[in-house]
Amino acid sequence: MARPTLFLIDGSSQMYRAYHAFRGRGLSNQEGHTTHAVYVFVTMLRKLMSDHQPRYIAASFDLAGPTFRDTLVADKIKNPLLIMHGAEDANPGTTPLQATKLYEAVRGTGGVARLVMLPYEPHWYSAMESNEQLAFEELRWFDTHVKNAGPKSTKPAKDAPKKDAKPATQAKAAP
């Protein structure tokens, strides 16, 4: 007998993603409150349920007030980080400059990071070449830093050389 499937969802992250995934002005109710984030979130949830038919689903949402997301800083990022970004992203919450600054901060604190700017791409990637590049980078990153990474050391060697992971392309200066 197969074990029942359980999906755990980071509701706050998925709601943020749903909010920014909707193109155009968005949806609103009669009072003018935006509703497109809820619509997209429920659409994603229904697709998950339809495609995978889990027996259980649990979603967690951040509480009001400070959360772990407020304390994420570059020197606390210990795992190798792959940053992919559209070079023409005009979304005010995720400009290419932010991706570049995150890359520089992680590398500047001795972390391993790779920055790939996809030319001519906005917040979503539509060109076939960009999606192929995305898949290539993710698979290579997984093979290098996850599948073949070996056991994780609790203390870095003092004389270990820093791994060099330079950005694939440089972002244009943000306006």
Protein backbone atom coordinates (compact mmCIF):
# COMPACT_ATOMS: atom_id res chain seq x y z
CA MET A 1 0.00 0.00 0.00
CA ALA A 2 1.41 3.41 -0.99
CA ARG A 3 2.13 5.93 1.71
CA PRO A 4 -0.15 8.99 1.68
CA THR A 5 1.35 12.12 0.13
CA LEU A 6 1.83 15.29 2.20
CA PHE A 7 2.67 18.68 0.65
CA LEU A 8 4.03 21.44 2.90
CA ILE A 9 3.68 24.92 1.41
CA ASP A 10 5.46 28.12 2.43
CA GLY A 11 2.27 30.16 2.09
CA SER A 12 3.86 33.58 2.52
CA SER A 13 6.43 32.88 -0.18
CA GLN A 14 3.84 31.45 -2.56
CA MET A 15 1.46 34.37 -1.93
CA TYR A 16 4.27 36.83 -2.70
CA ARG A 17 5.04 34.89 -5.87
CA ALA A 18 1.34 34.82 -6.80
CA TYR A 19 1.04 38.57 -6.28
CA HIS A 20 3.94 39.33 -8.63
CA ALA A 21 3.07 36.64 -11.20
CA PHE A 22 -0.07 38.40 -12.41
CA ARG A 23 0.60 40.72 -15.33
CA GLY A 24 -1.30 43.93 -15.91
CA ARG A 25 -3.33 45.92 -13.42
CA GLY A 26 -4.45 42.92 -11.44
CA LEU A 27 -7.87 41.97 -10.14
CA SER A 28 -9.90 43.77 -7.50
CA ASN A 29 -13.27 43.44 -5.83
CA GLN A 30 -16.11 45.99 -5.70
CA GLU A 31 -14.41 47.88 -2.85
CA GLY A 32 -11.17 48.19 -4.84
CA HIS A 33 -9.14 45.69 -2.75
CA THR A 34 -6.67 43.73 -4.85
CA THR A 35 -7.57 40.06 -5.16
CA HIS A 36 -5.26 38.74 -7.86
CA ALA A 37 -2.76 37.26 -5.37
CA VAL A 38 -5.49 35.12 -3.83
CA TYR A 39 -6.77 34.13 -7.28
CA VAL A 40 -3.30 33.05 -8.50
CA PHE A 41 -2.49 31.32 -5.17
CA VAL A 42 -5.72 29.29 -5.32
CA THR A 43 -5.09 28.51 -9.02
CA MET A 44 -1.60 27.17 -8.17
CA LEU A 45 -3.02 25.18 -5.26
CA ARG A 46 -5.76 23.66 -7.44
CA LYS A 47 -3.17 22.69 -10.08
CA LEU A 48 -1.01 21.06 -7.40
CA MET A 49 -4.01 19.10 -6.16
CA SER A 50 -5.07 18.10 -9.66
CA ASP A 51 -1.58 17.06 -10.81
CA HIS A 52 -0.44 15.22 -7.67
CA GLN A 53 -3.62 14.37 -5.75
CA PRO A 54 -2.01 14.59 -2.30
CA ARG A 55 -3.87 13.19 0.66
CA TYR A 56 -2.74 16.06 2.91
CA ILE A 57 -1.74 19.67 2.31
CA ALA A 58 -0.49 22.13 4.92
CA ALA A 59 0.37 25.78 4.31
CA SER A 60 2.14 28.05 6.79
CA PHE A 61 2.06 31.84 6.72
CA ASP A 62 4.29 34.33 8.50
CA LEU A 63 2.81 35.90 11.62
CA ALA A 64 2.48 39.64 12.00
CA GLY A 65 5.76 41.15 13.16
CA PRO A 66 9.39 40.17 12.58
CA THR A 67 10.19 36.77 11.03
CA PHE A 68 13.31 34.92 9.95
CA ARG A 69 13.02 36.69 6.59
CA ASP A 70 13.88 39.97 8.29
CA THR A 71 17.25 38.65 9.45
CA LEU A 72 18.51 37.21 6.17
CA VAL A 73 21.87 38.82 5.56
CA ALA A 74 24.72 37.84 3.26
CA ASP A 75 27.15 36.65 5.94
CA LYS A 76 24.58 34.12 7.16
CA ILE A 77 24.23 32.49 3.73
CA LYS A 78 26.39 29.39 4.14
CA ASN A 79 25.20 27.28 1.22
CA PRO A 80 26.27 27.99 -2.36
CA LEU A 81 23.81 30.40 -3.97
CA LEU A 82 22.75 30.53 -7.63
CA ILE A 83 21.14 33.87 -8.55
CA MET A 84 19.29 34.07 -11.87
CA HIS A 85 17.71 37.34 -12.94
CA GLY A 86 16.23 39.06 -15.96
CA ALA A 87 18.48 41.98 -16.94
CA GLU A 88 15.46 44.09 -18.00
CA ASP A 89 13.36 43.42 -14.88
CA ALA A 90 11.47 46.62 -14.11
CA ASN A 91 9.63 45.19 -11.09
CA PRO A 92 10.37 47.70 -8.30
CA GLY A 93 10.69 44.91 -5.72
CA THR A 94 13.28 42.86 -7.60
CA THR A 95 15.52 45.04 -9.74
CA PRO A 96 18.66 43.61 -11.38
CA LEU A 97 20.69 45.85 -9.08
CA GLN A 98 19.40 43.91 -6.05
CA ALA A 99 20.57 40.62 -7.56
CA THR A 100 23.98 42.14 -8.28
CA LYS A 101 24.26 43.55 -4.75
CA LEU A 102 23.28 40.19 -3.21
CA TYR A 103 25.91 38.43 -5.33
CA GLU A 104 28.59 40.96 -4.32
CA ALA A 105 27.61 40.73 -0.64
CA VAL A 106 27.73 36.91 -0.56
CA ARG A 107 31.07 36.81 -2.41
CA GLY A 108 32.41 39.63 -0.25
CA THR A 109 31.75 37.63 2.92
CA GLY A 110 33.52 34.57 1.53
CA GLY A 111 30.43 32.76 0.27
CA VAL A 112 30.05 30.82 -2.95
CA ALA A 113 27.67 32.42 -5.44
CA ARG A 114 27.01 32.62 -9.16
CA LEU A 115 25.09 35.43 -10.81
CA VAL A 116 23.50 34.87 -14.20
CA MET A 117 21.77 37.84 -15.82
CA LEU A 118 19.49 36.81 -18.66
CA PRO A 119 19.75 39.53 -21.33
CA TYR A 120 16.58 41.25 -22.56
CA GLU A 121 14.42 39.37 -20.04
CA PRO A 122 11.92 41.06 -17.70
CA HIS A 123 10.66 39.61 -14.39
CA TRP A 124 9.44 36.46 -16.17
CA TYR A 125 11.59 34.59 -18.69
CA SER A 126 9.89 34.13 -22.05
CA ALA A 127 12.67 33.43 -24.58
CA MET A 128 13.34 29.76 -25.24
CA GLU A 129 17.09 30.41 -24.96
CA SER A 130 16.66 31.96 -21.51
CA ASN A 131 14.65 28.99 -20.25
CA GLU A 132 17.25 26.62 -21.67
CA GLN A 133 19.97 28.63 -19.92
CA LEU A 134 17.96 28.51 -16.70
CA ALA A 135 17.66 24.71 -16.87
CA PHE A 136 21.36 24.34 -17.77
CA GLU A 137 22.51 26.56 -14.89
CA GLU A 138 20.23 24.87 -12.35
CA LEU A 139 21.30 21.35 -13.36
CA ARG A 140 25.00 22.28 -13.35
CA TRP A 141 24.59 23.97 -9.95
CA PHE A 142 22.78 20.93 -8.56
CA ASP A 143 25.43 18.54 -9.91
CA THR A 144 28.27 20.64 -8.48
CA HIS A 145 26.91 21.82 -5.15
CA VAL A 146 24.31 19.24 -4.15
CA LYS A 147 24.69 15.86 -5.85
CA ASN A 148 28.51 15.73 -5.80
CA ALA A 149 29.11 18.04 -2.84
CA GLY A 150 30.20 15.38 -0.36
CA PRO A 151 29.69 15.64 3.40
CA LYS A 152 29.12 19.10 4.82
CA SER A 153 31.83 20.34 7.15
CA THR A 154 30.80 22.23 10.28
CA LYS A 155 33.99 24.32 10.28
CA PRO A 156 35.68 25.72 7.17
CA ALA A 157 39.37 24.98 6.80
CA LYS A 158 41.41 28.11 7.56
CA ASP A 159 43.70 27.59 4.59
CA ALA A 160 40.98 26.50 2.14
CA PRO A 161 41.02 28.58 -1.03
CA LYS A 162 37.87 30.46 -1.92
CA LYS A 163 35.92 28.92 -4.76
CA ASP A 164 35.64 31.33 -7.65
CA ALA A 165 32.15 31.58 -9.12
CA LYS A 166 32.06 34.68 -11.29
CA PRO A 167 28.88 36.09 -12.79
CA ALA A 168 27.99 34.84 -16.26
CA THR A 169 27.08 38.32 -17.46
CA GLN A 170 27.05 41.74 -15.89
CA ALA A 171 23.80 43.57 -15.35
CA LYS A 172 23.24 46.95 -16.88
CA ALA A 173 23.15 49.81 -14.40
CA ALA A 174 19.66 50.25 -13.03
CA PRO A 175 18.05 53.60 -13.90
